[in-house]
Amino acid sequence: MSDQEFIQALVKKGLLSQIVADKVLKEAGARGRVPEDLIYEERLVDEVAAAETKSELLKIPYKKVDPAAISSELISLIPQETSRAYRVIPLEKRKDIFIVGMLRPDDVRAQEALRFIAKRERLSLGVYIVTPSDLALVWRRYAPYRTEIEAAVKDIGEGRGRDDLLVVLDEGTQTAEDAPIIKVVASTLREAVELKASDIHIEPQRARLRIRFRVDGELEEAASLPSTLNQPIVSRVKVLSRLRLDETRTPQDGRFRAVISGRDIDFRVATFPTPNGEKVAIRVLDSATGLKGLKELGLNEYNFRLLEAAAEAPFGMILITGPTGSGKSTTLYAMMQRLNSDKVNILTLEDPVEYFMDGINQSQVKPEIGYDFSSGLRQILRQDPDIVMVGEIRDSETAGLAVNAALTGHLMLSTLHTNNAIGVIPRLVDLGVPNFLLSSALNLMLAQRLVSRLCPECKKESVPSAELQKIIKEETEKLPEILRATVKGKVPFAAWRTGNNPNCKTCKGKGTSGRVALFEIFKMTRELSEVINKGFSESALINETLHQGMVTLRQDGILKALAGEVILEEVLRETEE
């Protein structure tokens, strides 16, 4: 099966457009990459759908892998180096057959390596097709993170002096894979990616060096190392990020890219001086988990239609609001993915650029040299844009420029810090935007929050208390008819709770796995425009939301709680005003 055949099969099934397919082949050729890898990295096609397509072409079945079902004895049959090099994993050993999973079953070198192993074990070979995600999960079974870094720390303690540690951090020795400090950093990065952590914190304490990961919005300690390793580890990260090694008194920012589990992962680095040494915060920017399509955001059908209609408008403003860490950037990137095509010129101003997107002209502001959102926006408007994305409206000047851009034939996307969608209007007025311009420029206001997603494997159904039943009834009765019909006749309402299963393989006993966004969307209408131009009040805006049938954050959360996605109590807590 050639790369061309595989990609054309994806096109034929409607999983990939011909334009995107041609781009992938061209880019892969230019970069010397495998086209399939680019498809997975950019999340152009669902990996399960890609595996099933490959299965049809090669007449080899696809299999969903359960890493916990693979014994340690089975893991040992394929060395870790072989597994990672050829992207193969052991799945099952029967009486006379050794069953393996392969990302690319037609890889001749991988076939030869597996035949050698099967012959050594006096077994026949059976093959399934697996996905990159399942490969990564099984790879974690080879060398757990704590085991890896303990071994590295042991190596450091066996006769290596302080000077030796600093030598391996030199730019010219980065390829020395057996260097203990390099191993510690590499293992930490790999573990963070495989746990789908959003951030890594390397924190010097008085007596130890603490490493923590932020997973699903919560910080968890991953490792505790000797305090003497702080400086070498920080130096290694600085080398990767091309930061100054001799500057330890002031904060520094940088970024680097690494290939982990076959994917290009970006890491954004920020150092911070403390009395115990430099602290490092590393943002993990994995496009496989961070970049989502518009349909993957968790919008109900009602809200999805509203957002899609606004995104298709030729001009106007779409503003996304919510607290820090509520997923605003994810929504912006999803919208840009939806709008990206060869027929439009999309330019962005970001602080910083989180994900690099092909076909979009992205720029990072640098306030220290006078290149901020307002000055950058002036320059962008000279670049003949169709769509402009400004990371955040922070001041009056940026607000005014953004509104004028929306009024002069541009679709403007940006974020704002307010508590809800209604709050966008008074906030922009506070920033000096005249009412009559506001009503003409605004298309849609979207507010969002993130709450924990219930583990799908161990969650349990429950009946909320009488007090909660009353809240559910009151909120669902205000829903638009199309949504109200979905919960009609379900009294008493059933919600869901965590299963409290310490043996759950999916959530590892946490009861939750990932996070879900709650949304509310307030659109500009002729009625709302009149309310704004007359000198609005909060009560007038609230009345207009009722007239529109706006689904509030709380209502959206209750619908998701009734569907078994989230915890009802957390929804009520996060949406309390």
Protein backbone atom coordinates (compact mmCIF):
# COMPACT_ATOMS: atom_id res chain seq x y z
CA MET A 1 0.00 0.00 0.00
CA SER A 2 1.57 3.29 -1.08
CA ASP A 3 1.07 6.61 0.69
CA GLN A 4 -0.85 7.82 -2.36
CA GLU A 5 -3.23 4.84 -2.25
CA PHE A 6 -3.92 5.32 1.46
CA ILE A 7 -4.61 9.04 1.16
CA GLN A 8 -6.82 8.61 -1.88
CA ALA A 9 -8.81 5.96 0.02
CA LEU A 10 -9.38 8.56 2.77
CA VAL A 11 -10.52 11.05 0.14
CA LYS A 12 -12.85 8.50 -1.45
CA LYS A 13 -14.49 7.81 1.94
CA GLY A 14 -15.01 11.52 2.51
CA LEU A 15 -12.62 11.63 5.47
CA LEU A 16 -10.22 14.01 3.74
CA SER A 17 -10.75 16.63 1.05
CA GLN A 18 -8.69 16.43 -2.14
CA ILE A 19 -7.23 19.88 -1.45
CA VAL A 20 -6.01 18.85 2.01
CA ALA A 21 -4.76 15.51 0.65
CA ASP A 22 -2.63 17.28 -1.96
CA LYS A 23 -1.27 19.63 0.72
CA VAL A 24 -0.31 16.68 2.95
CA LEU A 25 1.54 14.89 0.16
CA LYS A 26 3.35 18.07 -0.86
CA GLU A 27 4.35 18.96 2.72
CA ALA A 28 5.46 15.39 3.49
CA GLY A 29 7.66 15.41 0.41
CA ALA A 30 9.19 18.78 1.28
CA ARG A 31 9.89 17.81 4.91
CA GLY A 32 10.91 14.21 4.28
CA ARG A 33 8.06 12.94 6.42
CA VAL A 34 5.56 10.11 6.13
CA PRO A 35 2.19 11.57 5.02
CA GLU A 36 0.28 9.37 7.46
CA ASP A 37 2.24 10.87 10.36
CA LEU A 38 1.26 14.39 9.28
CA ILE A 39 -2.39 13.34 9.11
CA TYR A 40 -2.26 12.10 12.72
CA GLU A 41 -0.27 15.09 13.99
CA GLU A 42 -2.64 17.64 12.46
CA ARG A 43 -5.70 15.59 13.43
CA LEU A 44 -6.95 15.78 9.88
CA VAL A 45 -8.67 12.40 10.15
CA ASP A 46 -9.96 10.47 13.13
CA GLU A 47 -7.27 7.86 13.80
CA VAL A 48 -9.79 5.03 14.23
CA ALA A 49 -11.37 5.90 10.87
CA ALA A 50 -7.88 5.97 9.33
CA ALA A 51 -7.09 2.56 10.85
CA GLU A 52 -10.34 1.09 9.51
CA THR A 53 -9.57 2.48 6.05
CA LYS A 54 -6.12 0.93 6.18
CA SER A 55 -7.72 -2.33 7.31
CA GLU A 56 -9.92 -2.40 4.20
CA LEU A 57 -6.96 -1.73 1.92
CA LEU A 58 -4.59 -4.30 3.45
CA LYS A 59 -7.23 -6.87 4.43
CA ILE A 60 -5.82 -6.84 7.98
CA PRO A 61 -8.26 -6.34 10.89
CA TYR A 62 -8.16 -3.28 13.15
CA LYS A 63 -8.13 -3.85 16.91
CA LYS A 64 -8.81 -1.51 19.82
CA VAL A 65 -6.12 -2.15 22.42
CA ASP A 66 -6.55 -2.51 26.18
CA PRO A 67 -3.04 -1.84 27.60
CA ALA A 68 -3.98 -3.25 31.02
CA ALA A 69 -4.73 -6.64 29.43
CA ILE A 70 -1.16 -6.98 28.15
CA SER A 71 0.96 -8.87 30.70
CA SER A 72 4.52 -7.92 31.66
CA GLU A 73 5.67 -11.26 30.25
CA LEU A 74 4.14 -10.37 26.90
CA ILE A 75 5.66 -6.87 26.97
CA SER A 76 9.13 -8.40 27.38
CA LEU A 77 8.87 -10.30 24.07
CA ILE A 78 9.37 -7.12 22.02
CA PRO A 79 12.21 -4.87 23.29
CA GLN A 80 11.26 -1.27 23.91
CA GLU A 81 13.68 0.00 21.25
CA THR A 82 12.19 -2.33 18.65
CA SER A 83 8.64 -1.40 19.63
CA ARG A 84 9.26 2.33 19.27
CA ALA A 85 11.44 2.09 16.15
CA TYR A 86 8.99 -0.02 14.16
CA ARG A 87 5.76 1.03 15.92
CA VAL A 88 4.78 -2.49 16.90
CA ILE A 89 3.38 -3.81 20.17
CA PRO A 90 2.62 -7.28 21.56
CA LEU A 91 -1.08 -8.02 22.00
CA GLU A 92 -1.56 -11.70 22.74
CA LYS A 93 0.28 -15.02 22.90
CA ARG A 94 -1.73 -18.11 22.22
CA LYS A 95 -0.72 -21.74 22.05
CA ASP A 96 1.11 -21.49 18.74
CA ILE A 97 0.66 -17.88 17.62
CA PHE A 98 2.12 -14.51 18.63
CA ILE A 99 -0.34 -11.68 17.91
CA VAL A 100 1.04 -8.17 17.48
CA GLY A 101 -0.32 -4.71 16.74
CA MET A 102 1.28 -2.62 13.99
CA LEU A 103 0.76 0.94 12.86
CA ARG A 104 2.07 0.04 9.41
CA PRO A 105 1.72 -3.68 8.70
CA ASP A 106 3.28 -3.21 5.25
CA ASP A 107 6.58 -1.92 6.72
CA VAL A 108 9.12 -4.50 5.47
CA ARG A 109 11.70 -3.76 8.19
CA ALA A 110 9.09 -4.13 10.92
CA GLN A 111 7.94 -7.43 9.39
CA GLU A 112 11.50 -8.77 9.44
CA ALA A 113 12.00 -7.78 13.09
CA LEU A 114 8.74 -9.47 14.12
CA ARG A 115 9.47 -12.62 12.12
CA PHE A 116 12.77 -12.91 13.97
CA ILE A 117 11.03 -12.61 17.36
CA ALA A 118 8.29 -15.08 16.38
CA LYS A 119 10.86 -17.57 15.08
CA ARG A 120 12.83 -17.25 18.32
CA GLU A 121 9.67 -18.07 20.30
CA ARG A 122 8.74 -20.85 17.82
CA LEU A 123 5.42 -19.19 17.10
CA SER A 124 3.47 -18.15 14.06
CA LEU A 125 2.76 -14.44 13.61
CA GLY A 126 -0.68 -12.80 13.70
CA VAL A 127 -1.17 -9.09 12.93
CA TYR A 128 -3.71 -6.42 13.80
CA ILE A 129 -3.73 -2.75 12.82
CA VAL A 130 -3.59 -0.34 15.80
CA THR A 131 -3.75 3.44 16.26
CA PRO A 132 -0.93 5.82 17.39
CA SER A 133 -2.80 6.54 20.65
CA ASP A 134 -2.92 2.85 21.55
CA LEU A 135 0.76 2.50 20.71
CA ALA A 136 1.59 5.33 23.13
CA LEU A 137 -0.51 3.77 25.91
CA VAL A 138 1.30 0.44 25.60
CA TRP A 139 4.71 2.13 25.50
CA ARG A 140 4.00 3.47 28.97
CA ARG A 141 4.01 -0.14 30.17
CA TYR A 142 7.67 -0.60 29.21
CA ALA A 143 9.30 1.84 31.59
CA PRO A 144 7.08 3.70 34.02
CA TYR A 145 8.15 7.28 34.57
CA ARG A 146 9.26 6.92 38.16
CA THR A 147 11.35 3.85 37.29
CA GLU A 148 13.07 5.71 34.46
CA ILE A 149 14.04 8.74 36.48
CA GLU A 150 15.06 6.66 39.51
CA ALA A 151 17.47 4.79 37.26
CA ALA A 152 18.76 8.08 35.86
CA VAL A 153 19.23 9.56 39.34
CA LYS A 154 21.08 6.39 40.35
CA ASP A 155 23.39 6.84 37.37
CA ILE A 156 24.08 10.39 38.47
CA GLY A 157 24.98 9.21 41.95
CA GLU A 158 27.47 6.65 40.73
CA GLY A 159 30.60 8.67 40.56
CA ARG A 160 29.52 11.53 38.37
CA GLY A 161 30.61 14.88 39.64
CA ARG A 162 28.89 18.21 39.30
CA ASP A 163 31.08 19.21 36.38
CA ASP A 164 30.16 16.08 34.47
CA LEU A 165 26.49 16.94 34.77
CA LEU A 166 27.05 20.33 33.29
CA VAL A 167 29.09 18.97 30.39
CA VAL A 168 26.20 16.86 29.04
CA LEU A 169 24.05 19.94 28.92
CA ASP A 170 26.24 21.60 26.35
CA GLU A 171 24.55 22.35 23.02
CA GLY A 172 26.90 20.01 21.21
CA THR A 173 26.06 16.97 23.31
CA GLN A 174 22.27 17.01 23.10
CA THR A 175 22.28 13.75 21.20
CA ALA A 176 23.92 11.85 24.03
CA GLU A 177 20.84 9.81 24.85
CA ASP A 178 22.47 7.99 27.75
CA ALA A 179 23.22 11.18 29.68
CA PRO A 180 21.28 10.94 32.97
CA ILE A 181 20.01 14.54 33.05
CA ILE A 182 18.90 14.28 29.43
CA LYS A 183 17.05 11.09 30.34
CA VAL A 184 15.29 12.76 33.27
CA VAL A 185 14.08 15.66 31.11
CA ALA A 186 13.14 13.44 28.16
CA SER A 187 11.21 11.02 30.41
CA THR A 188 9.41 13.93 32.09
CA LEU A 189 8.33 15.38 28.75
CA ARG A 190 7.22 11.99 27.44
CA GLU A 191 5.23 11.19 30.58
CA ALA A 192 3.48 14.58 30.49
CA VAL A 193 2.44 14.05 26.87
CA GLU A 194 1.18 10.52 27.49
CA LEU A 195 -0.81 11.65 30.55
CA LYS A 196 -2.24 14.49 28.42
CA ALA A 197 -0.96 17.03 30.92
CA SER A 198 -1.39 20.68 29.99
CA ASP A 199 1.56 21.92 32.07
CA ILE A 200 4.76 20.70 33.73
CA HIS A 201 6.02 22.46 36.87
CA ILE A 202 9.66 22.00 37.91
CA GLU A 203 9.78 23.51 41.39
CA PRO A 204 12.83 23.80 43.67
CA GLN A 205 11.95 23.31 47.34
CA ARG A 206 14.26 23.60 50.36
CA ALA A 207 15.16 19.93 50.52
CA ARG A 208 13.99 18.52 47.18
CA LEU A 209 13.05 19.21 43.59
CA ARG A 210 9.35 18.68 42.95
CA ILE A 211 7.93 17.88 39.51
CA ARG A 212 4.18 18.28 39.05
CA PHE A 213 1.83 17.80 36.10
CA ARG A 214 -1.45 19.60 35.55
CA VAL A 215 -3.92 16.99 34.34
CA ASP A 216 -7.58 17.84 33.76
CA GLY A 217 -7.04 21.19 35.45
CA GLU A 218 -5.54 19.75 38.67
CA LEU A 219 -1.91 19.64 39.73
CA GLU A 220 -0.52 16.22 40.65
CA GLU A 221 2.97 15.44 41.95
CA ALA A 222 4.80 13.22 39.47
CA ALA A 223 8.25 12.94 41.05
CA SER A 224 10.47 14.13 43.88
CA LEU A 225 14.20 14.42 43.13
CA PRO A 226 17.29 15.54 45.08
CA SER A 227 17.51 19.34 45.26
CA THR A 228 21.02 19.23 43.73
CA LEU A 229 19.47 18.30 40.40
CA ASN A 230 17.52 21.54 40.05
CA GLN A 231 20.22 23.54 38.32
CA PRO A 232 21.26 20.81 35.82
CA ILE A 233 17.63 20.04 34.91
CA VAL A 234 16.75 23.72 34.49
CA SER A 235 19.90 24.20 32.41
CA ARG A 236 18.90 21.33 30.15
CA VAL A 237 15.47 22.87 29.60
CA LYS A 238 17.13 26.24 28.90
CA VAL A 239 19.41 24.66 26.30
CA LEU A 240 16.42 23.11 24.54
CA SER A 241 14.59 26.48 24.65
CA ARG A 242 17.65 28.51 23.63
CA LEU A 243 17.54 30.61 26.77
CA ARG A 244 20.51 32.21 28.49
CA LEU A 245 22.20 29.80 30.89
CA ASP A 246 24.04 32.59 32.73
CA GLU A 247 20.86 34.57 33.51
CA THR A 248 19.18 33.25 36.66
CA ARG A 249 17.96 36.48 38.29
CA THR A 250 15.21 37.47 35.85
CA PRO A 251 12.41 35.46 34.20
CA GLN A 252 12.91 34.18 30.64
CA ASP A 253 10.51 32.84 28.01
CA GLY A 254 11.17 30.39 25.21
CA ARG A 255 9.87 27.35 23.39
CA PHE A 256 11.07 24.20 21.68
CA ARG A 257 9.71 21.27 19.74
CA ALA A 258 10.27 17.55 20.30
CA VAL A 259 9.10 14.37 18.60
CA ILE A 260 7.30 12.15 21.12
CA SER A 261 5.46 8.96 20.19
CA GLY A 262 5.84 9.92 16.56
CA ARG A 263 4.22 13.33 16.99
CA ASP A 264 5.67 16.84 16.90
CA ILE A 265 4.92 18.42 20.28
CA ASP A 266 5.56 22.08 21.10
CA PHE A 267 6.64 23.11 24.59
CA ARG A 268 6.41 26.71 25.84
CA VAL A 269 8.88 27.46 28.63
CA ALA A 270 8.86 30.17 31.29
CA THR A 271 11.50 30.44 34.04
CA PHE A 272 10.95 32.25 37.34
CA PRO A 273 13.59 33.02 40.01
CA THR A 274 12.92 31.87 43.58
CA PRO A 275 15.14 31.79 46.72
CA ASN A 276 15.64 28.04 46.19
CA GLY A 277 16.58 28.31 42.53
CA GLU A 278 14.78 28.79 39.23
CA LYS A 279 11.28 27.44 38.84
CA VAL A 280 10.22 26.33 35.35
CA ALA A 281 6.69 26.13 33.98
CA ILE A 282 6.33 24.26 30.69
CA ARG A 283 3.10 24.43 28.71
CA VAL A 284 2.54 21.24 26.67
CA LEU A 285 1.08 22.14 23.30
CA ASP A 286 0.02 18.87 21.74
CA SER A 287 -2.05 19.50 18.63
CA ALA A 288 -3.45 15.94 18.90
CA THR A 289 -5.24 16.87 22.14
CA GLY A 290 -5.28 20.68 22.13
CA LEU A 291 -6.65 21.28 18.66
CA LYS A 292 -10.28 20.30 18.24
CA GLY A 293 -12.80 20.61 15.47
CA LEU A 294 -15.91 22.74 15.95
CA LYS A 295 -18.05 19.62 16.43
CA GLU A 296 -15.68 18.28 19.10
CA LEU A 297 -16.10 21.25 21.46
CA GLY A 298 -19.19 19.80 23.17
CA LEU A 299 -21.76 22.27 21.83
CA ASN A 300 -25.35 21.05 21.83
CA GLU A 301 -27.06 21.12 18.44
CA TYR A 302 -28.91 24.36 19.25
CA ASN A 303 -25.73 26.26 20.14
CA PHE A 304 -23.73 24.64 17.35
CA ARG A 305 -26.08 26.01 14.71
CA LEU A 306 -25.86 29.51 16.23
CA LEU A 307 -22.05 29.46 16.26
CA GLU A 308 -21.73 28.03 12.78
CA ALA A 309 -24.11 30.66 11.36
CA ALA A 310 -22.06 33.45 12.99
CA ALA A 311 -18.79 31.98 11.68
CA GLU A 312 -20.16 32.02 8.13
CA ALA A 313 -20.93 35.76 8.29
CA PRO A 314 -18.70 37.88 6.01
CA PHE A 315 -18.00 40.48 8.71
CA GLY A 316 -18.71 41.35 12.34
CA MET A 317 -17.34 40.33 15.75
CA ILE A 318 -17.48 37.02 17.54
CA LEU A 319 -16.29 37.39 21.13
CA ILE A 320 -15.51 34.50 23.46
CA THR A 321 -15.50 35.14 27.17
CA GLY A 322 -14.65 33.26 30.32
CA PRO A 323 -12.07 33.07 33.10
CA THR A 324 -8.45 32.02 32.55
CA GLY A 325 -8.23 28.33 31.73
CA SER A 326 -11.82 28.01 30.48
CA GLY A 327 -10.88 26.84 26.99
CA LYS A 328 -11.33 30.12 25.10
CA SER A 329 -8.22 29.58 22.96
CA THR A 330 -9.37 26.05 22.08
CA THR A 331 -12.66 27.44 20.80
CA LEU A 332 -10.87 30.15 18.80
CA TYR A 333 -8.57 27.62 17.16
CA ALA A 334 -11.53 25.36 16.37
CA MET A 335 -13.26 28.26 14.64
CA MET A 336 -10.17 29.11 12.64
CA GLN A 337 -9.85 25.50 11.54
CA ARG A 338 -13.45 25.65 10.38
CA LEU A 339 -12.86 28.90 8.45
CA ASN A 340 -9.42 28.08 7.03
CA SER A 341 -9.33 27.70 3.25
CA ASP A 342 -7.35 28.85 0.23
CA LYS A 343 -10.01 31.48 -0.49
CA VAL A 344 -9.57 33.54 2.70
CA ASN A 345 -6.67 35.40 4.28
CA ILE A 346 -6.61 34.73 8.03
CA LEU A 347 -4.23 36.68 10.26
CA THR A 348 -3.79 36.38 14.01
CA LEU A 349 -2.25 38.33 16.86
CA GLU A 350 -1.48 36.05 19.80
CA ASP A 351 0.28 36.25 23.15
CA PRO A 352 1.80 33.75 22.69
CA VAL A 353 1.16 31.58 19.63
CA GLU A 354 0.04 28.27 21.12
CA TYR A 355 -0.50 26.07 18.08
CA PHE A 356 0.94 26.63 14.63
CA MET A 357 -1.72 26.13 11.98
CA ASP A 358 -0.94 25.59 8.31
CA GLY A 359 -2.54 28.15 6.04
CA ILE A 360 -3.02 30.78 8.78
CA ASN A 361 -0.69 33.76 9.19
CA GLN A 362 0.11 33.88 12.89
CA SER A 363 2.01 36.58 14.74
CA GLN A 364 3.10 36.90 18.37
CA VAL A 365 2.90 40.27 20.09
CA LYS A 366 6.00 41.62 21.83
CA PRO A 367 5.02 44.50 24.12
CA GLU A 368 8.63 45.06 25.17
CA ILE A 369 9.40 46.40 21.69
CA GLY A 370 6.09 48.23 21.28
CA TYR A 371 4.42 45.48 19.24
CA ASP A 372 1.22 45.01 21.22
CA PHE A 373 -2.34 44.09 20.23
CA SER A 374 -3.30 47.63 19.21
CA SER A 375 -0.19 48.36 17.10
CA GLY A 376 -0.28 44.85 15.64
CA LEU A 377 -3.95 45.24 14.70
CA ARG A 378 -3.14 48.42 12.75
CA GLN A 379 -0.53 46.51 10.76
CA ILE A 380 -2.80 43.52 10.19
CA LEU A 381 -5.44 45.69 8.55
CA ARG A 382 -2.84 46.62 5.92
CA GLN A 383 -2.37 42.94 5.03
CA ASP A 384 -5.69 42.60 3.17
CA PRO A 385 -7.25 40.22 5.74
CA ASP A 386 -10.63 38.52 5.45
CA ILE A 387 -10.59 37.14 8.98
CA VAL A 388 -8.67 38.56 11.94
CA MET A 389 -8.10 36.83 15.28
CA VAL A 390 -6.87 38.93 18.20
CA GLY A 391 -5.92 36.88 21.26
CA GLU A 392 -7.51 39.25 23.76
CA ILE A 393 -9.12 42.71 23.88
CA ARG A 394 -7.43 44.30 26.88
CA ASP A 395 -7.70 48.06 26.39
CA SER A 396 -9.76 50.81 24.80
CA GLU A 397 -7.50 51.23 21.79
CA THR A 398 -7.63 47.54 20.85
CA ALA A 399 -11.41 47.48 21.41
CA GLY A 400 -11.92 50.48 19.12
CA LEU A 401 -9.71 49.07 16.37
CA ALA A 402 -11.40 45.67 16.58
CA VAL A 403 -14.87 47.22 16.27
CA ASN A 404 -13.80 49.34 13.30
CA ALA A 405 -12.30 46.26 11.63
CA ALA A 406 -15.60 44.42 12.08
CA LEU A 407 -17.48 47.35 10.56
CA THR A 408 -15.23 47.56 7.50
CA GLY A 409 -15.81 44.11 6.07
CA HIS A 410 -13.70 41.84 8.29
CA LEU A 411 -14.73 38.91 10.46
CA MET A 412 -13.15 39.59 13.85
CA LEU A 413 -12.55 36.84 16.44
CA SER A 414 -11.31 37.63 19.93
CA THR A 415 -11.67 37.01 23.66
CA LEU A 416 -12.72 39.14 26.59
CA HIS A 417 -12.72 38.62 30.34
CA THR A 418 -16.32 38.74 31.63
CA ASN A 419 -18.40 36.40 33.77
CA ASN A 420 -21.02 35.62 31.13
CA ALA A 421 -22.12 36.40 27.58
CA ILE A 422 -24.29 39.36 28.67
CA GLY A 423 -21.25 40.95 30.32
CA VAL A 424 -19.58 41.51 26.95
CA ILE A 425 -21.80 44.50 26.16
CA PRO A 426 -21.19 46.61 29.32
CA ARG A 427 -17.49 45.65 29.21
CA LEU A 428 -17.05 47.02 25.69
CA VAL A 429 -18.98 50.16 26.63
CA ASP A 430 -16.61 50.56 29.61
CA LEU A 431 -13.73 50.32 27.11
CA GLY A 432 -15.15 53.30 25.25
CA VAL A 433 -17.01 51.66 22.36
CA PRO A 434 -20.09 53.79 21.46
CA ASN A 435 -23.44 51.99 21.76
CA PHE A 436 -24.42 52.55 18.11
CA LEU A 437 -21.14 51.04 16.86
CA LEU A 438 -21.44 48.11 19.24
CA SER A 439 -24.88 47.11 17.99
CA SER A 440 -23.61 47.23 14.39
CA ALA A 441 -20.34 45.38 14.96
CA LEU A 442 -21.26 42.52 17.30
CA ASN A 443 -22.48 39.24 15.79
CA LEU A 444 -22.27 36.81 18.66
CA MET A 445 -21.07 36.53 22.27
CA LEU A 446 -20.07 33.16 23.66
CA ALA A 447 -19.27 32.37 27.29
CA GLN A 448 -17.78 29.11 28.48
CA ARG A 449 -16.53 27.19 31.52
CA LEU A 450 -14.75 23.87 31.96
CA VAL A 451 -15.97 21.16 34.33
CA SER A 452 -14.77 17.61 34.97
CA ARG A 453 -15.98 14.85 32.68
CA LEU A 454 -17.36 11.77 34.43
CA CYS A 455 -15.45 8.59 33.71
CA PRO A 456 -17.56 6.72 31.13
CA GLU A 457 -16.50 3.33 32.49
CA CYS A 458 -17.22 3.62 36.20
CA LYS A 459 -19.85 6.39 36.54
CA LYS A 460 -23.07 5.47 38.34
CA GLU A 461 -26.62 6.71 37.93
CA SER A 462 -28.19 8.44 40.91
CA VAL A 463 -31.33 10.37 41.82
CA PRO A 464 -30.61 13.95 42.99
CA SER A 465 -32.16 15.31 46.18
CA ALA A 466 -35.55 17.07 46.21
CA GLU A 467 -33.77 20.44 46.34
CA LEU A 468 -31.71 19.61 43.26
CA GLN A 469 -34.78 18.21 41.49
CA LYS A 470 -36.43 21.60 41.98
CA ILE A 471 -33.44 23.44 40.46
CA ILE A 472 -33.36 21.06 37.48
CA LYS A 473 -37.11 21.50 36.89
CA GLU A 474 -36.90 25.31 37.07
CA GLU A 475 -33.96 25.53 34.68
CA THR A 476 -35.17 22.98 32.11
CA GLU A 477 -38.59 24.67 31.86
CA LYS A 478 -36.82 27.80 30.54
CA LEU A 479 -35.11 25.89 27.72
CA PRO A 480 -36.04 26.35 24.05
CA GLU A 481 -38.66 23.84 22.95
CA ILE A 482 -36.20 21.81 20.87
CA LEU A 483 -34.08 21.15 24.00
CA ARG A 484 -36.95 21.00 26.49
CA ALA A 485 -38.37 18.09 24.51
CA THR A 486 -35.21 16.04 25.25
CA VAL A 487 -35.90 16.00 29.02
CA LYS A 488 -39.71 15.93 28.96
CA GLY A 489 -41.26 13.10 30.97
CA LYS A 490 -38.05 12.27 32.84
CA VAL A 491 -39.26 13.30 36.31
CA PRO A 492 -37.77 12.44 38.75
CA PHE A 493 -34.61 13.48 36.99
CA ALA A 494 -31.69 11.09 37.05
CA ALA A 495 -28.14 12.40 37.22
CA TRP A 496 -24.82 10.63 37.56
CA ARG A 497 -21.98 10.49 40.04
CA THR A 498 -18.45 9.13 40.23
CA GLY A 499 -18.13 5.39 40.61
CA ASN A 500 -15.39 5.53 43.28
CA ASN A 501 -13.77 2.49 41.71
CA PRO A 502 -10.05 2.43 42.59
CA ASN A 503 -9.48 -0.33 40.01
CA CYS A 504 -10.95 1.55 37.05
CA LYS A 505 -8.44 1.39 34.21
CA THR A 506 -9.79 4.49 32.47
CA CYS A 507 -9.71 7.07 35.26
CA LYS A 508 -7.28 5.33 37.67
CA GLY A 509 -9.79 5.69 40.52
CA LYS A 510 -10.30 9.46 40.10
CA GLY A 511 -13.89 9.11 38.89
CA THR A 512 -13.32 11.74 36.20
CA SER A 513 -11.46 11.69 32.93
CA GLY A 514 -10.83 14.92 31.04
CA ARG A 515 -12.98 18.04 31.02
CA VAL A 516 -16.10 19.25 29.25
CA ALA A 517 -16.97 22.79 28.23
CA LEU A 518 -20.26 24.46 29.15
CA PHE A 519 -21.49 27.15 26.75
CA GLU A 520 -23.94 30.00 26.49
CA ILE A 521 -24.44 32.00 23.31
CA PHE A 522 -26.00 35.47 23.06
CA LYS A 523 -26.51 36.62 19.48
CA MET A 524 -27.08 40.08 18.10
CA THR A 525 -30.63 40.58 16.89
CA ARG A 526 -32.63 43.62 15.79
CA GLU A 527 -34.34 43.61 19.20
CA LEU A 528 -31.02 43.49 21.04
CA SER A 529 -29.66 46.26 18.84
CA GLU A 530 -32.59 48.47 19.85
CA VAL A 531 -32.01 47.66 23.54
CA ILE A 532 -28.33 48.70 23.24
CA ASN A 533 -29.03 51.90 21.32
CA LYS A 534 -31.65 52.99 23.86
CA GLY A 535 -29.16 52.78 26.71
CA PHE A 536 -29.40 49.28 28.03
CA SER A 537 -29.83 48.04 31.57
CA GLU A 538 -28.94 44.63 32.97
CA SER A 539 -32.62 43.72 33.30
CA ALA A 540 -33.25 44.70 29.67
CA LEU A 541 -30.38 42.46 28.53
CA ILE A 542 -31.67 39.56 30.65
CA ASN A 543 -35.13 39.97 29.15
CA GLU A 544 -33.61 39.79 25.69
CA THR A 545 -31.84 36.53 26.54
CA LEU A 546 -35.21 35.07 27.55
CA HIS A 547 -36.75 36.36 24.35
CA GLN A 548 -33.96 34.72 22.30
CA GLY A 549 -34.22 31.45 24.21
CA MET A 550 -30.55 31.61 25.19
CA VAL A 551 -29.26 28.44 26.85
CA THR A 552 -27.32 29.59 29.93
CA LEU A 553 -24.13 28.03 31.23
CA ARG A 554 -26.11 26.45 34.05
CA GLN A 555 -28.78 25.06 31.73
CA ASP A 556 -26.17 23.62 29.35
CA GLY A 557 -24.41 22.03 32.34
CA ILE A 558 -27.68 20.53 33.65
CA LEU A 559 -28.38 18.99 30.23
CA LYS A 560 -24.90 17.47 30.24
CA ALA A 561 -25.40 16.24 33.82
CA LEU A 562 -28.67 14.54 32.86
CA ALA A 563 -26.85 12.95 29.90
CA GLY A 564 -24.25 11.48 32.26
CA GLU A 565 -21.34 13.62 31.06
CA VAL A 566 -20.65 15.76 34.14
CA ILE A 567 -21.37 16.00 37.86
CA LEU A 568 -24.49 18.04 38.63
CA GLU A 569 -23.14 19.53 41.86
CA GLU A 570 -19.98 20.75 40.10
CA VAL A 571 -22.09 22.39 37.39
CA LEU A 572 -24.16 24.26 39.99
CA ARG A 573 -21.05 25.33 41.86
CA GLU A 574 -19.22 26.59 38.75
CA THR A 575 -22.24 28.49 37.42
CA GLU A 576 -23.31 30.10 40.69
CA GLU A 577 -23.64 33.88 40.34
